[in-house]
Amino acid sequence: MAKKAISKNARREGAQELLSKWGGKIRMKSVFENGKMRHVAICEKSGNTARRPSELMD
């Protein structure tokens, strides 16, 4: 899959479906902890998390 620059907000809204290397969909989630907002990528199939979706891809 070619890497295409899309914003974190566009990924979070579901504008584009991304697939992980385990075959599950990657969803972006915003988490508020320690007084800061963090965006996290989560694989629905395996439950693995990463800071960026590209880390879960390949």
PDB file of N, CA and C in Angstrom:
ATOM      1  N   MET A   1       0.847  -1.172   0.000  1.00  0.00           N
ATOM      2  CA  MET A   1       0.000   0.000   0.000  1.00  0.00           C
ATOM      3  C   MET A   1       0.891   1.233   0.000  1.00  0.00           C
ATOM      4  N   ALA A   2       0.637   2.142  -0.903  1.00  0.00           N
ATOM      5  CA  ALA A   2       1.422   3.371  -0.974  1.00  0.00           C
ATOM      6  C   ALA A   2       1.070   4.283   0.190  1.00  0.00           C
ATOM      7  N   LYS A   3       2.103   4.884   0.756  1.00  0.00           N
ATOM      8  CA  LYS A   3       1.850   5.803   1.866  1.00  0.00           C
ATOM      9  C   LYS A   3       1.367   7.128   1.310  1.00  0.00           C
ATOM     10  N   LYS A   4       0.255   7.569   1.830  1.00  0.00           N
ATOM     11  CA  LYS A   4      -0.342   8.816   1.380  1.00  0.00           C
ATOM     12  C   LYS A   4      -0.514   9.705   2.598  1.00  0.00           C
ATOM     13  N   ALA A   5      -0.111  10.938   2.496  1.00  0.00           N
ATOM     14  CA  ALA A   5      -0.166  11.850   3.640  1.00  0.00           C
ATOM     15  C   ALA A   5      -1.599  12.288   3.890  1.00  0.00           C
ATOM     16  N   ILE A   6      -2.160  11.795   4.998  1.00  0.00           N
ATOM     17  CA  ILE A   6      -3.471  12.263   5.439  1.00  0.00           C
ATOM     18  C   ILE A   6      -3.346  12.632   6.906  1.00  0.00           C
ATOM     19  N   SER A   7      -4.143  13.574   7.327  1.00  0.00           N
ATOM     20  CA  SER A   7      -4.031  14.078   8.694  1.00  0.00           C
ATOM     21  C   SER A   7      -4.536  13.064   9.704  1.00  0.00           C
ATOM     22  N   LYS A   8      -4.133  13.236  10.969  1.00  0.00           N
ATOM     23  CA  LYS A   8      -4.604  12.359  12.041  1.00  0.00           C
ATOM     24  C   LYS A   8      -6.115  12.454  12.192  1.00  0.00           C
ATOM     25  N   ASN A   9      -6.651  13.653  12.013  1.00  0.00           N
ATOM     26  CA  ASN A   9      -8.098  13.824  12.144  1.00  0.00           C
ATOM     27  C   ASN A   9      -8.841  13.087  11.038  1.00  0.00           C
ATOM     28  N   ALA A  10      -8.301  13.092   9.832  1.00  0.00           N
ATOM     29  CA  ALA A  10      -8.946  12.383   8.727  1.00  0.00           C
ATOM     30  C   ALA A  10      -8.937  10.883   8.990  1.00  0.00           C
ATOM     31  N   ARG A  11      -7.865  10.357   9.567  1.00  0.00           N
ATOM     32  CA  ARG A  11      -7.801   8.938   9.893  1.00  0.00           C
ATOM     33  C   ARG A  11      -8.780   8.609  11.013  1.00  0.00           C
ATOM     34  N   ARG A  12      -8.910   9.507  11.960  1.00  0.00           N
ATOM     35  CA  ARG A  12      -9.786   9.278  13.107  1.00  0.00           C
ATOM     36  C   ARG A  12     -11.246   9.267  12.680  1.00  0.00           C
ATOM     37  N   GLU A  13     -11.596  10.079  11.711  1.00  0.00           N
ATOM     38  CA  GLU A  13     -12.978  10.151  11.238  1.00  0.00           C
ATOM     39  C   GLU A  13     -13.344   8.966  10.354  1.00  0.00           C
ATOM     40  N   GLY A  14     -12.366   8.209   9.872  1.00  0.00           N
ATOM     41  CA  GLY A  14     -12.654   7.050   9.028  1.00  0.00           C
ATOM     42  C   GLY A  14     -12.717   7.385   7.559  1.00  0.00           C
ATOM     43  N   ALA A  15     -11.996   8.430   7.138  1.00  0.00           N
ATOM     44  CA  ALA A  15     -12.005   8.818   5.730  1.00  0.00           C
ATOM     45  C   ALA A  15     -11.325   7.761   4.865  1.00  0.00           C
ATOM     46  N   GLN A  16     -10.401   6.998   5.439  1.00  0.00           N
ATOM     47  CA  GLN A  16      -9.684   5.983   4.685  1.00  0.00           C
ATOM     48  C   GLN A  16      -9.484   4.761   5.577  1.00  0.00           C
ATOM     49  N   GLU A  17      -9.758   3.569   5.038  1.00  0.00           N
ATOM     50  CA  GLU A  17      -9.556   2.350   5.815  1.00  0.00           C
ATOM     51  C   GLU A  17      -8.129   1.865   5.624  1.00  0.00           C
ATOM     52  N   LEU A  18      -7.452   1.617   6.721  1.00  0.00           N
ATOM     53  CA  LEU A  18      -6.092   1.124   6.687  1.00  0.00           C
ATOM     54  C   LEU A  18      -6.076  -0.285   7.266  1.00  0.00           C
ATOM     55  N   LEU A  19      -5.260  -1.174   6.683  1.00  0.00           N
ATOM     56  CA  LEU A  19      -5.173  -2.547   7.150  1.00  0.00           C
ATOM     57  C   LEU A  19      -3.819  -2.798   7.783  1.00  0.00           C
ATOM     58  N   SER A  20      -3.818  -3.506   8.890  1.00  0.00           N
ATOM     59  CA  SER A  20      -2.566  -3.829   9.576  1.00  0.00           C
ATOM     60  C   SER A  20      -1.946  -5.077   8.969  1.00  0.00           C
ATOM     61  N   LYS A  21      -0.723  -5.396   9.400  1.00  0.00           N
ATOM     62  CA  LYS A  21      -0.060  -6.586   8.885  1.00  0.00           C
ATOM     63  C   LYS A  21      -0.676  -7.871   9.436  1.00  0.00           C
ATOM     64  N   TRP A  22      -1.538  -7.771  10.444  1.00  0.00           N
ATOM     65  CA  TRP A  22      -2.248  -8.920  10.978  1.00  0.00           C
ATOM     66  C   TRP A  22      -3.605  -9.115  10.312  1.00  0.00           C
ATOM     67  N   GLY A  23      -3.975  -8.213   9.402  1.00  0.00           N
ATOM     68  CA  GLY A  23      -5.216  -8.357   8.656  1.00  0.00           C
ATOM     69  C   GLY A  23      -6.412  -7.619   9.227  1.00  0.00           C
ATOM     70  N   GLY A  24      -6.236  -6.920  10.328  1.00  0.00           N
ATOM     71  CA  GLY A  24      -7.340  -6.176  10.927  1.00  0.00           C
ATOM     72  C   GLY A  24      -7.340  -4.718  10.493  1.00  0.00           C
ATOM     73  N   LYS A  25      -8.462  -4.058  10.686  1.00  0.00           N
ATOM     74  CA  LYS A  25      -8.555  -2.639  10.384  1.00  0.00           C
ATOM     75  C   LYS A  25      -7.836  -1.832  11.455  1.00  0.00           C
ATOM     76  N   ILE A  26      -7.195  -0.749  11.036  1.00  0.00           N
ATOM     77  CA  ILE A  26      -6.529   0.147  11.971  1.00  0.00           C
ATOM     78  C   ILE A  26      -7.462   1.310  12.236  1.00  0.00           C
ATOM     79  N   ARG A  27      -7.729   1.557  13.519  1.00  0.00           N
ATOM     80  CA  ARG A  27      -8.573   2.679  13.920  1.00  0.00           C
ATOM     81  C   ARG A  27      -7.737   3.643  14.737  1.00  0.00           C
ATOM     82  N   MET A  28      -7.995   4.916  14.546  1.00  0.00           N
ATOM     83  CA  MET A  28      -7.333   5.947  15.333  1.00  0.00           C
ATOM     84  C   MET A  28      -8.238   6.282  16.509  1.00  0.00           C
ATOM     85  N   LYS A  29      -7.627   6.493  17.648  1.00  0.00           N
ATOM     86  CA  LYS A  29      -8.365   6.806  18.856  1.00  0.00           C
ATOM     87  C   LYS A  29      -7.651   7.940  19.573  1.00  0.00           C
ATOM     88  N   SER A  30      -8.398   8.891  20.105  1.00  0.00           N
ATOM     89  CA  SER A  30      -7.824   9.976  20.888  1.00  0.00           C
ATOM     90  C   SER A  30      -7.960   9.634  22.358  1.00  0.00           C
ATOM     91  N   VAL A  31      -6.849   9.728  23.082  1.00  0.00           N
ATOM     92  CA  VAL A  31      -6.818   9.381  24.499  1.00  0.00           C
ATOM     93  C   VAL A  31      -6.336  10.596  25.279  1.00  0.00           C
ATOM     94  N   PHE A  32      -7.065  10.932  26.334  1.00  0.00           N
ATOM     95  CA  PHE A  32      -6.683  12.059  27.185  1.00  0.00           C
ATOM     96  C   PHE A  32      -6.131  11.495  28.487  1.00  0.00           C
ATOM     97  N   GLU A  33      -4.821  11.672  28.699  1.00  0.00           N
ATOM     98  CA  GLU A  33      -4.216  11.202  29.936  1.00  0.00           C
ATOM     99  C   GLU A  33      -3.087  12.133  30.350  1.00  0.00           C
ATOM    100  N   ASN A  34      -2.924  12.294  31.645  1.00  0.00           N
ATOM    101  CA  ASN A  34      -1.902  13.180  32.219  1.00  0.00           C
ATOM    102  C   ASN A  34      -2.027  14.605  31.703  1.00  0.00           C
ATOM    103  N   GLY A  35      -3.248  15.054  31.450  1.00  0.00           N
ATOM    104  CA  GLY A  35      -3.479  16.415  30.995  1.00  0.00           C
ATOM    105  C   GLY A  35      -3.127  16.666  29.544  1.00  0.00           C
ATOM    106  N   LYS A  36      -2.904  15.598  28.769  1.00  0.00           N
ATOM    107  CA  LYS A  36      -2.539  15.755  27.358  1.00  0.00           C
ATOM    108  C   LYS A  36      -3.415  14.867  26.484  1.00  0.00           C
ATOM    109  N   MET A  37      -3.656  15.330  25.264  1.00  0.00           N
ATOM    110  CA  MET A  37      -4.412  14.568  24.282  1.00  0.00           C
ATOM    111  C   MET A  37      -3.421  13.819  23.399  1.00  0.00           C
ATOM    112  N   ARG A  38      -3.591  12.496  23.306  1.00  0.00           N
ATOM    113  CA  ARG A  38      -2.730  11.664  22.466  1.00  0.00           C
ATOM    114  C   ARG A  38      -3.582  10.938  21.445  1.00  0.00           C
ATOM    115  N   HIS A  39      -3.033  10.770  20.249  1.00  0.00           N
ATOM    116  CA  HIS A  39      -3.694   9.988  19.216  1.00  0.00           C
ATOM    117  C   HIS A  39      -2.984   8.643  19.133  1.00  0.00           C
ATOM    118  N   VAL A  40      -3.757   7.561  19.121  1.00  0.00           N
ATOM    119  CA  VAL A  40      -3.201   6.218  19.137  1.00  0.00           C
ATOM    120  C   VAL A  40      -3.848   5.408  18.020  1.00  0.00           C
ATOM    121  N   ALA A  41      -3.035   4.610  17.323  1.00  0.00           N
ATOM    122  CA  ALA A  41      -3.548   3.694  16.309  1.00  0.00           C
ATOM    123  C   ALA A  41      -3.723   2.325  16.946  1.00  0.00           C
ATOM    124  N   ILE A  42      -4.873   1.691  16.701  1.00  0.00           N
ATOM    125  CA  ILE A  42      -5.176   0.392  17.296  1.00  0.00           C
ATOM    126  C   ILE A  42      -5.613  -0.571  16.194  1.00  0.00           C
ATOM    127  N   CYS A  43      -5.031  -1.764  16.199  1.00  0.00           N
ATOM    128  CA  CYS A  43      -5.459  -2.830  15.290  1.00  0.00           C
ATOM    129  C   CYS A  43      -6.654  -3.525  15.931  1.00  0.00           C
ATOM    130  N   GLU A  44      -7.778  -3.595  15.219  1.00  0.00           N
ATOM    131  CA  GLU A  44      -8.986  -4.191  15.778  1.00  0.00           C
ATOM    132  C   GLU A  44      -8.857  -5.699  15.959  1.00  0.00           C
ATOM    133  N   LYS A  45      -8.096  -6.355  15.101  1.00  0.00           N
ATOM    134  CA  LYS A  45      -7.992  -7.811  15.166  1.00  0.00           C
ATOM    135  C   LYS A  45      -7.068  -8.276  16.285  1.00  0.00           C
ATOM    136  N   SER A  46      -5.868  -7.699  16.354  1.00  0.00           N
ATOM    137  CA  SER A  46      -4.878  -8.165  17.335  1.00  0.00           C
ATOM    138  C   SER A  46      -4.857  -7.346  18.614  1.00  0.00           C
ATOM    139  N   GLY A  47      -5.363  -6.110  18.567  1.00  0.00           N
ATOM    140  CA  GLY A  47      -5.355  -5.258  19.742  1.00  0.00           C
ATOM    141  C   GLY A  47      -4.043  -4.518  19.959  1.00  0.00           C
ATOM    142  N   ASN A  48      -3.109  -4.643  19.031  1.00  0.00           N
ATOM    143  CA  ASN A  48      -1.830  -3.933  19.146  1.00  0.00           C
ATOM    144  C   ASN A  48      -2.040  -2.434  18.978  1.00  0.00           C
ATOM    145  N   THR A  49      -1.238  -1.650  19.695  1.00  0.00           N
ATOM    146  CA  THR A  49      -1.333  -0.199  19.601  1.00  0.00           C
ATOM    147  C   THR A  49       0.005   0.379  19.183  1.00  0.00           C
ATOM    148  N   ALA A  50      -0.048   1.534  18.546  1.00  0.00           N
ATOM    149  CA  ALA A  50       1.152   2.249  18.125  1.00  0.00           C
ATOM    150  C   ALA A  50       0.816   3.728  18.026  1.00  0.00           C
ATOM    151  N   ARG A  51       1.842   4.534  17.935  1.00  0.00           N
ATOM    152  CA  ARG A  51       1.631   5.968  17.836  1.00  0.00           C
ATOM    153  C   ARG A  51       1.127   6.359  16.447  1.00  0.00           C
ATOM    154  N   ARG A  52       1.655   5.688  15.438  1.00  0.00           N
ATOM    155  CA  ARG A  52       1.262   5.972  14.049  1.00  0.00           C
ATOM    156  C   ARG A  52       0.731   4.706  13.394  1.00  0.00           C
ATOM    157  N   PRO A  53      -0.209   4.837  12.468  1.00  0.00           N
ATOM    158  CA  PRO A  53      -0.737   3.652  11.780  1.00  0.00           C
ATOM    159  C   PRO A  53       0.319   2.940  10.937  1.00  0.00           C
ATOM    160  N   SER A  54       1.296   3.671  10.415  1.00  0.00           N
ATOM    161  CA  SER A  54       2.327   3.058   9.577  1.00  0.00           C
ATOM    162  C   SER A  54       3.174   2.056  10.352  1.00  0.00           C
ATOM    163  N   GLU A  55       3.258   2.206  11.680  1.00  0.00           N
ATOM    164  CA  GLU A  55       4.008   1.267  12.500  1.00  0.00           C
ATOM    165  C   GLU A  55       3.301  -0.086  12.586  1.00  0.00           C
ATOM    166  N   LEU A  56       1.997  -0.117  12.354  1.00  0.00           N
ATOM    167  CA  LEU A  56       1.238  -1.358  12.397  1.00  0.00           C
ATOM    168  C   LEU A  56       1.099  -1.990  11.017  1.00  0.00           C
ATOM    169  N   MET A  57       1.470  -1.267   9.977  1.00  0.00           N
ATOM    170  CA  MET A  57       1.238  -1.757   8.626  1.00  0.00           C
ATOM    171  C   MET A  57       2.248  -2.793   8.169  1.00  0.00           C
ATOM    172  N   ASP A  58       3.498  -2.458   8.064  1.00  0.00           N
ATOM    173  CA  ASP A  58       4.451  -3.399   7.511  1.00  0.00           C
ATOM    174  C   ASP A  58       5.863  -3.087   7.875  1.00  0.00           C
TER     175      ASP A  58
END
